């Protein structure tokens, strides 16, 4: 059993749901989050309110998943990211679980 965590910009939420279904990961949870990056100094000076920084509307998904489903999921995410014309890839990490009930 592993903990799978996926983040994506809100625009890709339906794509992530489709990828999870295609990888046969049926049980998962999701939440809306704000994503942040350290912006380049040029972007800060060109803003109307350079002291204010806003987050990007994003989605976070997590699932306690069996190992055999994770490999397929990562292949699907790699394909999606490779074919996407945007500079905001879907990101995923896997964390081992030592104990669970």
C-alpha atoms as a PDB file:
ATOM      1  CA  UNK A   1       0.000   0.000   0.000  1.00  0.00           C
ATOM      2  CA  UNK A   2       1.301   3.448  -0.980  1.00  0.00           C
ATOM      3  CA  UNK A   3       0.046   6.993  -0.616  1.00  0.00           C
ATOM      4  CA  UNK A   4      -0.364   8.610  -4.023  1.00  0.00           C
ATOM      5  CA  UNK A   5      -0.495  12.427  -4.197  1.00  0.00           C
ATOM      6  CA  UNK A   6      -1.319  14.296  -7.418  1.00  0.00           C
ATOM      7  CA  UNK A   7      -1.378  18.046  -8.015  1.00  0.00           C
ATOM      8  CA  UNK A   8      -2.553  19.877 -11.120  1.00  0.00           C
ATOM      9  CA  UNK A   9      -3.832  23.280 -12.140  1.00  0.00           C
ATOM     10  CA  UNK A  10      -7.617  23.483 -12.003  1.00  0.00           C
ATOM     11  CA  UNK A  11      -7.777  23.445 -15.809  1.00  0.00           C
ATOM     12  CA  UNK A  12      -6.571  19.812 -15.774  1.00  0.00           C
ATOM     13  CA  UNK A  13      -8.933  18.522 -13.057  1.00  0.00           C
ATOM     14  CA  UNK A  14     -11.124  16.569 -15.496  1.00  0.00           C
ATOM     15  CA  UNK A  15      -8.003  15.142 -17.136  1.00  0.00           C
ATOM     16  CA  UNK A  16      -6.713  13.900 -13.768  1.00  0.00           C
ATOM     17  CA  UNK A  17     -10.091  12.294 -13.026  1.00  0.00           C
ATOM     18  CA  UNK A  18      -9.962  10.539 -16.407  1.00  0.00           C
ATOM     19  CA  UNK A  19      -6.375   9.374 -15.776  1.00  0.00           C
ATOM     20  CA  UNK A  20      -7.308   8.000 -12.346  1.00  0.00           C
ATOM     21  CA  UNK A  21     -10.226   6.090 -13.856  1.00  0.00           C
ATOM     22  CA  UNK A  22      -8.033   4.752 -16.696  1.00  0.00           C
ATOM     23  CA  UNK A  23      -5.491   3.506 -14.130  1.00  0.00           C
ATOM     24  CA  UNK A  24      -8.339   1.742 -12.248  1.00  0.00           C
ATOM     25  CA  UNK A  25      -7.869   3.890  -9.163  1.00  0.00           C
ATOM     26  CA  UNK A  26     -11.483   4.200  -8.092  1.00  0.00           C
ATOM     27  CA  UNK A  27     -11.108   5.366  -4.473  1.00  0.00           C
ATOM     28  CA  UNK A  28      -9.476   8.746  -3.952  1.00  0.00           C
ATOM     29  CA  UNK A  29     -10.052  12.128  -2.360  1.00  0.00           C
ATOM     30  CA  UNK A  30      -9.652  15.592  -3.803  1.00  0.00           C
ATOM     31  CA  UNK A  31      -9.474  19.177  -2.676  1.00  0.00           C
ATOM     32  CA  UNK A  32      -9.176  22.637  -4.174  1.00  0.00           C
ATOM     33  CA  UNK A  33      -5.887  24.328  -3.317  1.00  0.00           C
ATOM     34  CA  UNK A  34      -3.915  27.416  -4.309  1.00  0.00           C
ATOM     35  CA  UNK A  35      -0.574  26.755  -5.968  1.00  0.00           C
ATOM     36  CA  UNK A  36       2.329  29.187  -5.606  1.00  0.00           C
ATOM     37  CA  UNK A  37       5.654  29.702  -7.347  1.00  0.00           C
ATOM     38  CA  UNK A  38       8.333  32.239  -6.569  1.00  0.00           C
ATOM     39  CA  UNK A  39       7.701  34.684  -9.421  1.00  0.00           C
ATOM     40  CA  UNK A  40      10.462  36.315 -11.405  1.00  0.00           C
ATOM     41  CA  UNK A  41      11.294  39.835 -10.253  1.00  0.00           C
ATOM     42  CA  UNK A  42      10.177  41.238 -13.632  1.00  0.00           C
ATOM     43  CA  UNK A  43       6.686  39.870 -13.056  1.00  0.00           C
ATOM     44  CA  UNK A  44       6.499  41.479  -9.641  1.00  0.00           C
ATOM     45  CA  UNK A  45       7.434  44.915 -10.953  1.00  0.00           C
ATOM     46  CA  UNK A  46       4.943  44.733 -13.819  1.00  0.00           C
ATOM     47  CA  UNK A  47       2.002  43.978 -11.530  1.00  0.00           C
ATOM     48  CA  UNK A  48      -0.539  46.658 -10.578  1.00  0.00           C
ATOM     49  CA  UNK A  49      -0.032  45.677  -6.945  1.00  0.00           C
ATOM     50  CA  UNK A  50       3.544  44.341  -6.750  1.00  0.00           C
ATOM     51  CA  UNK A  51       3.262  43.630  -3.020  1.00  0.00           C
ATOM     52  CA  UNK A  52       0.379  41.202  -3.561  1.00  0.00           C
ATOM     53  CA  UNK A  53       0.884  37.675  -4.759  1.00  0.00           C
ATOM     54  CA  UNK A  54      -2.000  35.398  -5.655  1.00  0.00           C
ATOM     55  CA  UNK A  55      -2.073  31.658  -5.975  1.00  0.00           C
ATOM     56  CA  UNK A  56      -3.088  29.636  -8.980  1.00  0.00           C
ATOM     57  CA  UNK A  57      -6.299  27.678  -8.528  1.00  0.00           C
ATOM     58  CA  UNK A  58      -5.219  24.054  -8.401  1.00  0.00           C
ATOM     59  CA  UNK A  59      -6.419  20.606  -7.388  1.00  0.00           C
ATOM     60  CA  UNK A  60      -4.902  18.048  -5.053  1.00  0.00           C
ATOM     61  CA  UNK A  61      -5.851  14.376  -5.159  1.00  0.00           C
ATOM     62  CA  UNK A  62      -4.684  11.561  -2.907  1.00  0.00           C
ATOM     63  CA  UNK A  63      -5.315   7.862  -2.683  1.00  0.00           C
ATOM     64  CA  UNK A  64      -4.105   4.883  -0.700  1.00  0.00           C
ATOM     65  CA  UNK A  65      -3.309   2.662  -3.659  1.00  0.00           C
ATOM     66  CA  UNK A  66      -1.853  -0.724  -4.461  1.00  0.00           C
ATOM     67  CA  UNK A  67       1.573  -0.725  -6.153  1.00  0.00           C
ATOM     68  CA  UNK A  68       0.436  -2.347  -9.404  1.00  0.00           C
ATOM     69  CA  UNK A  69      -1.903   0.560 -10.251  1.00  0.00           C
ATOM     70  CA  UNK A  70       0.741   3.239  -9.725  1.00  0.00           C
ATOM     71  CA  UNK A  71       2.936   2.224 -12.673  1.00  0.00           C
ATOM     72  CA  UNK A  72       0.023   2.540 -15.103  1.00  0.00           C
ATOM     73  CA  UNK A  73      -0.969   5.891 -13.607  1.00  0.00           C
ATOM     74  CA  UNK A  74       2.553   7.286 -14.011  1.00  0.00           C
ATOM     75  CA  UNK A  75       2.650   6.165 -17.668  1.00  0.00           C
ATOM     76  CA  UNK A  76      -0.641   7.958 -18.317  1.00  0.00           C
ATOM     77  CA  UNK A  77       0.565  11.139 -16.587  1.00  0.00           C
ATOM     78  CA  UNK A  78       3.858  11.091 -18.523  1.00  0.00           C
ATOM     79  CA  UNK A  79       1.945  10.765 -21.795  1.00  0.00           C
ATOM     80  CA  UNK A  80      -0.425  13.585 -20.853  1.00  0.00           C
ATOM     81  CA  UNK A  81       2.415  15.910 -19.818  1.00  0.00           C
ATOM     82  CA  UNK A  82       4.396  15.126 -22.975  1.00  0.00           C
ATOM     83  CA  UNK A  83       1.397  15.868 -25.214  1.00  0.00           C
ATOM     84  CA  UNK A  84       0.280  18.979 -23.300  1.00  0.00           C
ATOM     85  CA  UNK A  85       1.109  22.355 -24.820  1.00  0.00           C
ATOM     86  CA  UNK A  86       1.041  24.044 -21.396  1.00  0.00           C
ATOM     87  CA  UNK A  87       3.875  24.675 -18.971  1.00  0.00           C
ATOM     88  CA  UNK A  88       1.954  23.309 -15.965  1.00  0.00           C
ATOM     89  CA  UNK A  89       2.483  19.548 -15.850  1.00  0.00           C
ATOM     90  CA  UNK A  90       0.447  17.223 -13.705  1.00  0.00           C
ATOM     91  CA  UNK A  91       2.709  16.166 -10.824  1.00  0.00           C
ATOM     92  CA  UNK A  92       2.509  12.985  -8.796  1.00  0.00           C
ATOM     93  CA  UNK A  93       4.468  11.490  -5.913  1.00  0.00           C
ATOM     94  CA  UNK A  94       4.276   8.182  -4.105  1.00  0.00           C
ATOM     95  CA  UNK A  95       4.935   7.860  -0.392  1.00  0.00           C
ATOM     96  CA  UNK A  96       5.417   4.457   1.257  1.00  0.00           C
ATOM     97  CA  UNK A  97       3.103   3.577   4.132  1.00  0.00           C
ATOM     98  CA  UNK A  98       4.679   1.764   7.057  1.00  0.00           C
ATOM     99  CA  UNK A  99       1.461   0.908   8.905  1.00  0.00           C
ATOM    100  CA  UNK A 100      -2.226   1.298   8.297  1.00  0.00           C
ATOM    101  CA  UNK A 101      -5.495   0.111   9.762  1.00  0.00           C
END
